[in-house]
Amino acid sequence: MTYRVCFVCTGNICRSPMAESVFRARVAEAGLDDLVEVDSAGTDGWHEGEGADPRTVTVLRENGYATGHTARRFDPSWFARLDLVIALDSGHLRALRRLAPTDRDADKVRLLRSYDPAAGDDLDVPDPYYGGADGFDACLERVEAASTGLLASVREQVEGRAA
């Protein structure tokens, strides 16, 4: 049975596609790509149908990550098929939990940086959209740091299903 993870930010052109690309690479490196499906979406539909922000694409390419992406809006009906919904900041966390049709679905929503022990209380991934390239580099650093802990958690869940 496939374990499904969806990363969510506001417009699905910066943070969430970056997290999707990084985590998909981590899943493949771990040999779990046949067991774990990774995608992303936005809480708002402003950029639906568009590609990722060019600065996101540049940072991902420069660091060896895949970059194919088309923005879409998160649909509450997806909760039924998703195992984990990863919010990139606390505003997304609140929005997603409000959209959740059940308490069980709301419990599927987690902040990405909660998987990074070094994050402390700073659990938001700042939106780099209105800044320069350095914000996108910082975003990637935060995403990569949290991906290790997230992968460990997902691996535990996947192995628990196989047991």
N, C-alpha and C. Protein backbone atom coordinates (compact mmCIF):
# COMPACT_ATOMS: atom_id res chain seq x y z
N MET A 1 0.84 -1.18 0.00
CA MET A 1 0.00 0.00 0.00
C MET A 1 0.88 1.25 0.00
N THR A 2 0.60 2.19 -0.86
CA THR A 2 1.39 3.41 -1.02
C THR A 2 1.11 4.39 0.11
N TYR A 3 2.18 4.97 0.63
CA TYR A 3 2.11 6.01 1.64
C TYR A 3 2.18 7.35 0.90
N ARG A 4 1.23 8.24 1.14
CA ARG A 4 1.14 9.48 0.36
C ARG A 4 1.38 10.71 1.22
N VAL A 5 2.30 11.55 0.74
CA VAL A 5 2.68 12.79 1.42
C VAL A 5 2.44 13.96 0.48
N CYS A 6 1.81 15.02 0.97
CA CYS A 6 1.59 16.23 0.18
C CYS A 6 2.12 17.44 0.95
N PHE A 7 3.00 18.21 0.32
CA PHE A 7 3.54 19.44 0.89
C PHE A 7 2.67 20.60 0.45
N VAL A 8 2.36 21.52 1.39
CA VAL A 8 1.46 22.62 1.07
C VAL A 8 2.02 23.95 1.56
N CYS A 9 2.05 24.92 0.62
CA CYS A 9 2.34 26.31 0.96
C CYS A 9 1.20 27.16 0.40
N THR A 10 1.42 28.43 0.18
CA THR A 10 0.33 29.30 -0.25
C THR A 10 -0.02 29.13 -1.73
N GLY A 11 0.94 29.40 -2.61
CA GLY A 11 0.65 29.39 -4.04
C GLY A 11 1.16 28.19 -4.79
N ASN A 12 1.92 27.32 -4.13
CA ASN A 12 2.47 26.10 -4.74
C ASN A 12 3.44 26.41 -5.88
N ILE A 13 4.23 27.50 -5.69
CA ILE A 13 5.25 27.78 -6.70
C ILE A 13 6.65 27.96 -6.10
N CYS A 14 6.76 28.07 -4.77
CA CYS A 14 8.07 28.27 -4.14
C CYS A 14 8.41 27.16 -3.15
N ARG A 15 7.87 27.28 -1.94
CA ARG A 15 8.25 26.38 -0.85
C ARG A 15 7.78 24.95 -1.05
N SER A 16 6.51 24.75 -1.36
CA SER A 16 6.02 23.37 -1.44
C SER A 16 6.60 22.59 -2.62
N PRO A 17 6.78 23.19 -3.81
CA PRO A 17 7.44 22.40 -4.85
C PRO A 17 8.90 22.11 -4.52
N MET A 18 9.54 23.03 -3.79
CA MET A 18 10.92 22.78 -3.37
C MET A 18 10.95 21.59 -2.41
N ALA A 19 10.05 21.60 -1.44
CA ALA A 19 9.99 20.49 -0.48
C ALA A 19 9.64 19.19 -1.18
N GLU A 20 8.73 19.24 -2.13
CA GLU A 20 8.36 18.05 -2.90
C GLU A 20 9.57 17.47 -3.62
N SER A 21 10.33 18.31 -4.31
CA SER A 21 11.50 17.84 -5.05
C SER A 21 12.56 17.24 -4.14
N VAL A 22 12.85 17.94 -3.06
CA VAL A 22 13.87 17.46 -2.11
C VAL A 22 13.42 16.15 -1.49
N PHE A 23 12.19 16.09 -1.02
CA PHE A 23 11.74 14.87 -0.34
C PHE A 23 11.63 13.70 -1.31
N ARG A 24 11.19 13.95 -2.53
CA ARG A 24 11.12 12.88 -3.53
C ARG A 24 12.53 12.30 -3.76
N ALA A 25 13.54 13.17 -3.80
CA ALA A 25 14.92 12.70 -3.97
C ALA A 25 15.35 11.86 -2.77
N ARG A 26 15.00 12.30 -1.55
CA ARG A 26 15.35 11.55 -0.34
C ARG A 26 14.68 10.17 -0.33
N VAL A 27 13.43 10.14 -0.74
CA VAL A 27 12.68 8.89 -0.80
C VAL A 27 13.33 7.93 -1.80
N ALA A 28 13.74 8.45 -2.95
CA ALA A 28 14.40 7.62 -3.97
C ALA A 28 15.75 7.11 -3.46
N GLU A 29 16.53 8.00 -2.83
CA GLU A 29 17.83 7.60 -2.27
C GLU A 29 17.67 6.49 -1.24
N ALA A 30 16.56 6.50 -0.51
CA ALA A 30 16.31 5.49 0.53
C ALA A 30 15.72 4.21 -0.05
N GLY A 31 15.45 4.20 -1.36
CA GLY A 31 14.88 3.02 -1.99
C GLY A 31 13.41 2.82 -1.67
N LEU A 32 12.72 3.90 -1.32
CA LEU A 32 11.31 3.81 -0.94
C LEU A 32 10.37 4.36 -2.01
N ASP A 33 10.91 4.71 -3.18
CA ASP A 33 10.08 5.37 -4.18
C ASP A 33 8.95 4.50 -4.72
N ASP A 34 9.01 3.18 -4.53
CA ASP A 34 7.88 2.33 -4.91
C ASP A 34 6.80 2.30 -3.83
N LEU A 35 7.14 2.81 -2.63
CA LEU A 35 6.22 2.74 -1.50
C LEU A 35 5.67 4.10 -1.06
N VAL A 36 6.33 5.17 -1.48
CA VAL A 36 5.96 6.51 -1.02
C VAL A 36 5.71 7.41 -2.22
N GLU A 37 4.54 8.05 -2.24
CA GLU A 37 4.19 9.01 -3.28
C GLU A 37 4.29 10.41 -2.69
N VAL A 38 4.92 11.33 -3.43
CA VAL A 38 5.16 12.68 -2.94
C VAL A 38 4.60 13.68 -3.95
N ASP A 39 3.83 14.66 -3.46
CA ASP A 39 3.36 15.73 -4.32
C ASP A 39 3.22 17.01 -3.50
N SER A 40 2.65 18.05 -4.11
CA SER A 40 2.49 19.32 -3.41
C SER A 40 1.28 20.07 -3.95
N ALA A 41 0.87 21.08 -3.20
CA ALA A 41 -0.27 21.92 -3.57
C ALA A 41 -0.19 23.24 -2.81
N GLY A 42 -1.11 24.14 -3.13
CA GLY A 42 -1.19 25.43 -2.45
C GLY A 42 -2.53 25.59 -1.75
N THR A 43 -2.54 26.40 -0.70
CA THR A 43 -3.81 26.67 -0.02
C THR A 43 -4.68 27.59 -0.86
N ASP A 44 -4.06 28.35 -1.75
CA ASP A 44 -4.78 29.26 -2.63
C ASP A 44 -4.53 28.87 -4.09
N GLY A 45 -5.41 29.27 -4.97
CA GLY A 45 -5.31 28.88 -6.37
C GLY A 45 -4.72 29.94 -7.29
N TRP A 46 -4.03 30.92 -6.73
CA TRP A 46 -3.50 32.04 -7.53
C TRP A 46 -2.65 31.60 -8.72
N HIS A 47 -1.88 30.55 -8.55
CA HIS A 47 -0.91 30.15 -9.57
C HIS A 47 -1.23 28.82 -10.24
N GLU A 48 -2.46 28.34 -10.06
CA GLU A 48 -2.83 27.04 -10.64
C GLU A 48 -2.46 26.97 -12.12
N GLY A 49 -1.84 25.85 -12.49
CA GLY A 49 -1.45 25.63 -13.88
C GLY A 49 -0.10 26.21 -14.26
N GLU A 50 0.49 27.01 -13.39
CA GLU A 50 1.80 27.60 -13.67
C GLU A 50 2.91 26.68 -13.19
N GLY A 51 4.10 26.89 -13.72
CA GLY A 51 5.28 26.18 -13.25
C GLY A 51 5.78 26.81 -11.96
N ALA A 52 6.80 26.19 -11.39
CA ALA A 52 7.42 26.73 -10.18
C ALA A 52 8.08 28.08 -10.49
N ASP A 53 8.20 28.91 -9.47
CA ASP A 53 8.89 30.19 -9.59
C ASP A 53 10.29 29.92 -10.18
N PRO A 54 10.75 30.73 -11.14
CA PRO A 54 12.07 30.50 -11.75
C PRO A 54 13.21 30.45 -10.73
N ARG A 55 13.08 31.19 -9.64
CA ARG A 55 14.12 31.18 -8.61
C ARG A 55 14.14 29.84 -7.88
N THR A 56 12.96 29.23 -7.70
CA THR A 56 12.88 27.89 -7.11
C THR A 56 13.55 26.89 -8.05
N VAL A 57 13.23 26.99 -9.32
CA VAL A 57 13.81 26.09 -10.32
C VAL A 57 15.33 26.21 -10.33
N THR A 58 15.83 27.43 -10.29
CA THR A 58 17.28 27.66 -10.31
C THR A 58 17.96 27.02 -9.10
N VAL A 59 17.42 27.26 -7.91
CA VAL A 59 18.02 26.71 -6.69
C VAL A 59 17.98 25.18 -6.72
N LEU A 60 16.88 24.62 -7.16
CA LEU A 60 16.78 23.17 -7.22
C LEU A 60 17.79 22.60 -8.22
N ARG A 61 17.85 23.16 -9.40
CA ARG A 61 18.80 22.67 -10.42
C ARG A 61 20.24 22.79 -9.94
N GLU A 62 20.58 23.92 -9.35
CA GLU A 62 21.94 24.14 -8.86
C GLU A 62 22.35 23.12 -7.80
N ASN A 63 21.35 22.54 -7.14
CA ASN A 63 21.63 21.58 -6.08
C ASN A 63 21.28 20.15 -6.47
N GLY A 64 21.05 19.92 -7.75
CA GLY A 64 20.88 18.57 -8.27
C GLY A 64 19.50 17.95 -8.11
N TYR A 65 18.47 18.77 -7.92
CA TYR A 65 17.11 18.25 -7.76
C TYR A 65 16.30 18.40 -9.05
N ALA A 66 15.32 17.51 -9.22
CA ALA A 66 14.39 17.58 -10.34
C ALA A 66 13.51 18.82 -10.20
N THR A 67 13.05 19.34 -11.33
CA THR A 67 12.32 20.61 -11.28
C THR A 67 10.97 20.61 -11.98
N GLY A 68 10.50 19.54 -12.55
CA GLY A 68 9.20 19.54 -13.22
C GLY A 68 8.07 19.76 -12.23
N HIS A 69 7.21 20.76 -12.49
CA HIS A 69 6.15 21.08 -11.52
C HIS A 69 5.06 21.90 -12.18
N THR A 70 3.81 21.64 -11.80
CA THR A 70 2.67 22.46 -12.19
C THR A 70 1.86 22.74 -10.93
N ALA A 71 1.66 24.02 -10.64
CA ALA A 71 0.96 24.42 -9.41
C ALA A 71 -0.52 24.00 -9.44
N ARG A 72 -1.01 23.66 -8.26
CA ARG A 72 -2.42 23.30 -8.11
C ARG A 72 -2.86 23.68 -6.70
N ARG A 73 -4.17 23.74 -6.53
CA ARG A 73 -4.74 24.10 -5.23
C ARG A 73 -5.11 22.83 -4.47
N PHE A 74 -4.87 22.84 -3.16
CA PHE A 74 -5.20 21.70 -2.31
C PHE A 74 -6.72 21.55 -2.24
N ASP A 75 -7.18 20.34 -2.43
CA ASP A 75 -8.61 20.04 -2.37
C ASP A 75 -8.88 19.22 -1.10
N PRO A 76 -9.80 19.65 -0.25
CA PRO A 76 -10.07 18.92 0.99
C PRO A 76 -10.42 17.45 0.79
N SER A 77 -10.94 17.10 -0.38
CA SER A 77 -11.26 15.68 -0.64
C SER A 77 -10.01 14.81 -0.66
N TRP A 78 -8.84 15.42 -0.84
CA TRP A 78 -7.59 14.66 -0.89
C TRP A 78 -7.23 14.05 0.46
N PHE A 79 -7.75 14.63 1.54
CA PHE A 79 -7.43 14.08 2.87
C PHE A 79 -7.70 12.58 2.93
N ALA A 80 -8.73 12.12 2.26
CA ALA A 80 -9.11 10.71 2.30
C ALA A 80 -8.02 9.79 1.77
N ARG A 81 -7.22 10.27 0.82
CA ARG A 81 -6.18 9.43 0.25
C ARG A 81 -4.77 9.72 0.77
N LEU A 82 -4.62 10.83 1.47
CA LEU A 82 -3.30 11.22 1.98
C LEU A 82 -3.04 10.65 3.38
N ASP A 83 -1.78 10.31 3.62
CA ASP A 83 -1.37 9.86 4.94
C ASP A 83 -0.78 10.99 5.76
N LEU A 84 -0.17 11.95 5.08
CA LEU A 84 0.52 13.03 5.76
C LEU A 84 0.43 14.28 4.89
N VAL A 85 0.04 15.40 5.52
CA VAL A 85 -0.03 16.68 4.84
C VAL A 85 0.95 17.59 5.55
N ILE A 86 1.96 18.05 4.82
CA ILE A 86 3.04 18.82 5.42
C ILE A 86 2.89 20.30 5.09
N ALA A 87 2.61 21.10 6.11
CA ALA A 87 2.47 22.54 5.96
C ALA A 87 3.85 23.19 6.08
N LEU A 88 4.07 24.23 5.28
CA LEU A 88 5.36 24.90 5.30
C LEU A 88 5.43 26.03 6.33
N ASP A 89 4.29 26.52 6.79
CA ASP A 89 4.31 27.48 7.90
C ASP A 89 3.03 27.35 8.71
N SER A 90 3.00 28.05 9.83
CA SER A 90 1.87 27.91 10.76
C SER A 90 0.55 28.41 10.17
N GLY A 91 0.59 29.37 9.26
CA GLY A 91 -0.62 29.82 8.59
C GLY A 91 -1.22 28.71 7.73
N HIS A 92 -0.36 27.98 7.04
CA HIS A 92 -0.82 26.84 6.24
C HIS A 92 -1.36 25.74 7.15
N LEU A 93 -0.70 25.54 8.26
CA LEU A 93 -1.14 24.52 9.23
C LEU A 93 -2.58 24.81 9.67
N ARG A 94 -2.82 26.05 10.06
CA ARG A 94 -4.18 26.43 10.50
C ARG A 94 -5.19 26.29 9.37
N ALA A 95 -4.84 26.76 8.18
CA ALA A 95 -5.75 26.69 7.03
C ALA A 95 -6.09 25.24 6.69
N LEU A 96 -5.09 24.38 6.69
CA LEU A 96 -5.32 22.97 6.35
C LEU A 96 -6.15 22.27 7.41
N ARG A 97 -5.89 22.56 8.66
CA ARG A 97 -6.70 21.93 9.72
C ARG A 97 -8.15 22.40 9.66
N ARG A 98 -8.38 23.65 9.26
CA ARG A 98 -9.76 24.13 9.07
C ARG A 98 -10.44 23.42 7.90
N LEU A 99 -9.68 23.10 6.86
CA LEU A 99 -10.22 22.42 5.69
C LEU A 99 -10.51 20.94 5.94
N ALA A 100 -9.84 20.37 6.94
CA ALA A 100 -9.96 18.93 7.19
C ALA A 100 -11.40 18.56 7.53
N PRO A 101 -11.96 17.57 6.84
CA PRO A 101 -13.34 17.18 7.09
C PRO A 101 -13.56 16.46 8.42
N THR A 102 -12.51 15.87 8.98
CA THR A 102 -12.64 15.15 10.25
C THR A 102 -11.44 15.47 11.15
N ASP A 103 -11.57 15.16 12.42
CA ASP A 103 -10.45 15.33 13.35
C ASP A 103 -9.28 14.43 12.94
N ARG A 104 -9.60 13.25 12.47
CA ARG A 104 -8.54 12.33 12.01
C ARG A 104 -7.74 12.95 10.85
N ASP A 105 -8.46 13.60 9.94
CA ASP A 105 -7.78 14.26 8.83
C ASP A 105 -6.93 15.43 9.33
N ALA A 106 -7.45 16.20 10.27
CA ALA A 106 -6.69 17.32 10.83
C ALA A 106 -5.41 16.84 11.50
N ASP A 107 -5.45 15.65 12.08
CA ASP A 107 -4.26 15.08 12.72
C ASP A 107 -3.18 14.69 11.72
N LYS A 108 -3.51 14.62 10.45
CA LYS A 108 -2.52 14.29 9.40
C LYS A 108 -1.64 15.48 9.06
N VAL A 109 -2.02 16.67 9.48
CA VAL A 109 -1.31 17.89 9.11
C VAL A 109 -0.19 18.17 10.11
N ARG A 110 1.01 18.36 9.59
CA ARG A 110 2.19 18.63 10.41
C ARG A 110 3.01 19.75 9.77
N LEU A 111 3.77 20.46 10.57
CA LEU A 111 4.72 21.45 10.07
C LEU A 111 6.01 20.76 9.65
N LEU A 112 6.54 21.11 8.49
CA LEU A 112 7.76 20.49 7.99
C LEU A 112 8.91 20.60 8.99
N ARG A 113 9.12 21.79 9.52
CA ARG A 113 10.29 21.99 10.39
C ARG A 113 10.14 21.30 11.74
N SER A 114 8.98 20.75 12.05
CA SER A 114 8.84 19.98 13.28
C SER A 114 9.66 18.70 13.21
N TYR A 115 10.12 18.35 12.01
CA TYR A 115 10.97 17.17 11.82
C TYR A 115 12.45 17.51 11.89
N ASP A 116 12.79 18.76 12.17
CA ASP A 116 14.18 19.20 12.30
C ASP A 116 14.45 19.57 13.74
N PRO A 117 15.16 18.71 14.48
CA PRO A 117 15.42 18.99 15.90
C PRO A 117 16.14 20.31 16.13
N ALA A 118 16.92 20.77 15.17
CA ALA A 118 17.66 22.02 15.33
C ALA A 118 16.78 23.26 15.14
N ALA A 119 15.55 23.07 14.68
CA ALA A 119 14.66 24.21 14.41
C ALA A 119 14.18 24.89 15.68
N GLY A 120 14.17 24.16 16.79
CA GLY A 120 13.68 24.74 18.04
C GLY A 120 12.24 25.16 17.91
N ASP A 121 11.94 26.41 18.31
CA ASP A 121 10.58 26.93 18.23
C ASP A 121 10.30 27.63 16.89
N ASP A 122 11.32 27.74 16.04
CA ASP A 122 11.19 28.43 14.76
C ASP A 122 10.76 27.42 13.69
N LEU A 123 9.45 27.12 13.65
CA LEU A 123 8.98 26.03 12.80
C LEU A 123 8.45 26.47 11.43
N ASP A 124 8.43 27.76 11.15
CA ASP A 124 7.98 28.22 9.84
C ASP A 124 9.14 28.24 8.85
N VAL A 125 8.84 27.90 7.59
CA VAL A 125 9.77 28.11 6.50
C VAL A 125 9.34 29.44 5.87
N PRO A 126 10.16 30.50 6.03
CA PRO A 126 9.76 31.82 5.52
C PRO A 126 9.52 31.79 4.00
N ASP A 127 8.55 32.59 3.57
CA ASP A 127 8.22 32.68 2.15
C ASP A 127 9.29 33.52 1.44
N PRO A 128 10.01 32.93 0.49
CA PRO A 128 11.06 33.67 -0.20
C PRO A 128 10.56 34.51 -1.38
N TYR A 129 9.28 34.42 -1.71
CA TYR A 129 8.73 34.98 -2.94
C TYR A 129 9.05 36.47 -3.13
N TYR A 130 8.92 37.26 -2.09
CA TYR A 130 9.10 38.71 -2.23
C TYR A 130 10.53 39.17 -2.01
N GLY A 131 11.45 38.24 -1.86
CA GLY A 131 12.84 38.59 -1.63
C GLY A 131 13.74 38.17 -2.78
N GLY A 132 15.02 38.13 -2.49
CA GLY A 132 16.01 37.78 -3.50
C GLY A 132 16.37 36.30 -3.47
N ALA A 133 17.38 35.96 -4.25
CA ALA A 133 17.83 34.57 -4.39
C ALA A 133 18.28 33.97 -3.07
N ASP A 134 18.83 34.80 -2.17
CA ASP A 134 19.30 34.27 -0.89
C ASP A 134 18.16 33.67 -0.07
N GLY A 135 16.96 34.19 -0.21
CA GLY A 135 15.80 33.63 0.49
C GLY A 135 15.47 32.23 -0.01
N PHE A 136 15.68 31.99 -1.29
CA PHE A 136 15.43 30.67 -1.86
C PHE A 136 16.50 29.68 -1.41
N ASP A 137 17.74 30.15 -1.29
CA ASP A 137 18.81 29.30 -0.76
C ASP A 137 18.51 28.92 0.68
N ALA A 138 18.08 29.91 1.48
CA ALA A 138 17.74 29.65 2.89
C ALA A 138 16.56 28.69 2.99
N CYS A 139 15.60 28.85 2.12
CA CYS A 139 14.44 27.96 2.09
C CYS A 139 14.91 26.52 1.84
N LEU A 140 15.77 26.34 0.85
CA LEU A 140 16.28 25.01 0.54
C LEU A 140 17.01 24.41 1.74
N GLU A 141 17.82 25.21 2.42
CA GLU A 141 18.54 24.72 3.60
C GLU A 141 17.58 24.20 4.66
N ARG A 142 16.53 24.94 4.92
CA ARG A 142 15.54 24.52 5.92
C ARG A 142 14.80 23.26 5.49
N VAL A 143 14.44 23.20 4.22
CA VAL A 143 13.74 22.03 3.69
C VAL A 143 14.64 20.80 3.78
N GLU A 144 15.89 20.93 3.39
CA GLU A 144 16.81 19.79 3.44
C GLU A 144 17.02 19.32 4.88
N ALA A 145 17.17 20.27 5.80
CA ALA A 145 17.40 19.91 7.20
C ALA A 145 16.22 19.13 7.77
N ALA A 146 15.02 19.51 7.43
CA ALA A 146 13.83 18.83 7.96
C ALA A 146 13.56 17.50 7.26
N SER A 147 14.03 17.36 6.03
CA SER A 147 13.75 16.16 5.24
C SER A 147 14.34 14.90 5.85
N THR A 148 15.44 15.01 6.55
CA THR A 148 16.06 13.84 7.17
C THR A 148 15.13 13.25 8.23
N GLY A 149 14.63 14.09 9.11
CA GLY A 149 13.71 13.62 10.15
C GLY A 149 12.38 13.16 9.58
N LEU A 150 11.90 13.86 8.56
CA LEU A 150 10.65 13.46 7.92
C LEU A 150 10.81 12.09 7.27
N LEU A 151 11.93 11.87 6.60
CA LEU A 151 12.16 10.56 5.98
C LEU A 151 12.19 9.46 7.03
N ALA A 152 12.82 9.70 8.15
CA ALA A 152 12.87 8.69 9.22
C ALA A 152 11.46 8.36 9.71
N SER A 153 10.63 9.38 9.86
CA SER A 153 9.25 9.17 10.32
C SER A 153 8.43 8.41 9.28
N VAL A 154 8.56 8.79 8.02
CA VAL A 154 7.82 8.11 6.96
C VAL A 154 8.29 6.67 6.82
N ARG A 155 9.60 6.46 6.90
CA ARG A 155 10.14 5.09 6.82
C ARG A 155 9.54 4.22 7.92
N GLU A 156 9.45 4.76 9.12
CA GLU A 156 8.86 4.03 10.25
C GLU A 156 7.40 3.68 9.96
N GLN A 157 6.66 4.62 9.40
CA GLN A 157 5.26 4.35 9.07
C GLN A 157 5.12 3.29 7.98
N VAL A 158 5.97 3.39 6.96
CA VAL A 158 5.93 2.43 5.84
C VAL A 158 6.31 1.05 6.32
N GLU A 159 7.35 0.97 7.13
CA GLU A 159 7.77 -0.34 7.65
C GLU A 159 6.73 -0.90 8.60
N GLY A 160 6.03 -0.04 9.34
CA GLY A 160 4.98 -0.47 10.23
C GLY A 160 3.80 -1.08 9.48
N ARG A 161 3.55 -0.59 8.28
CA ARG A 161 2.47 -1.14 7.45
C ARG A 161 2.83 -2.51 6.93
N ALA A 162 4.13 -2.71 6.67
CA ALA A 162 4.58 -3.99 6.11
C ALA A 162 4.62 -5.08 7.18
N ALA A 163 4.70 -4.67 8.44
CA ALA A 163 4.82 -5.65 9.52
C ALA A 163 3.53 -6.40 9.78
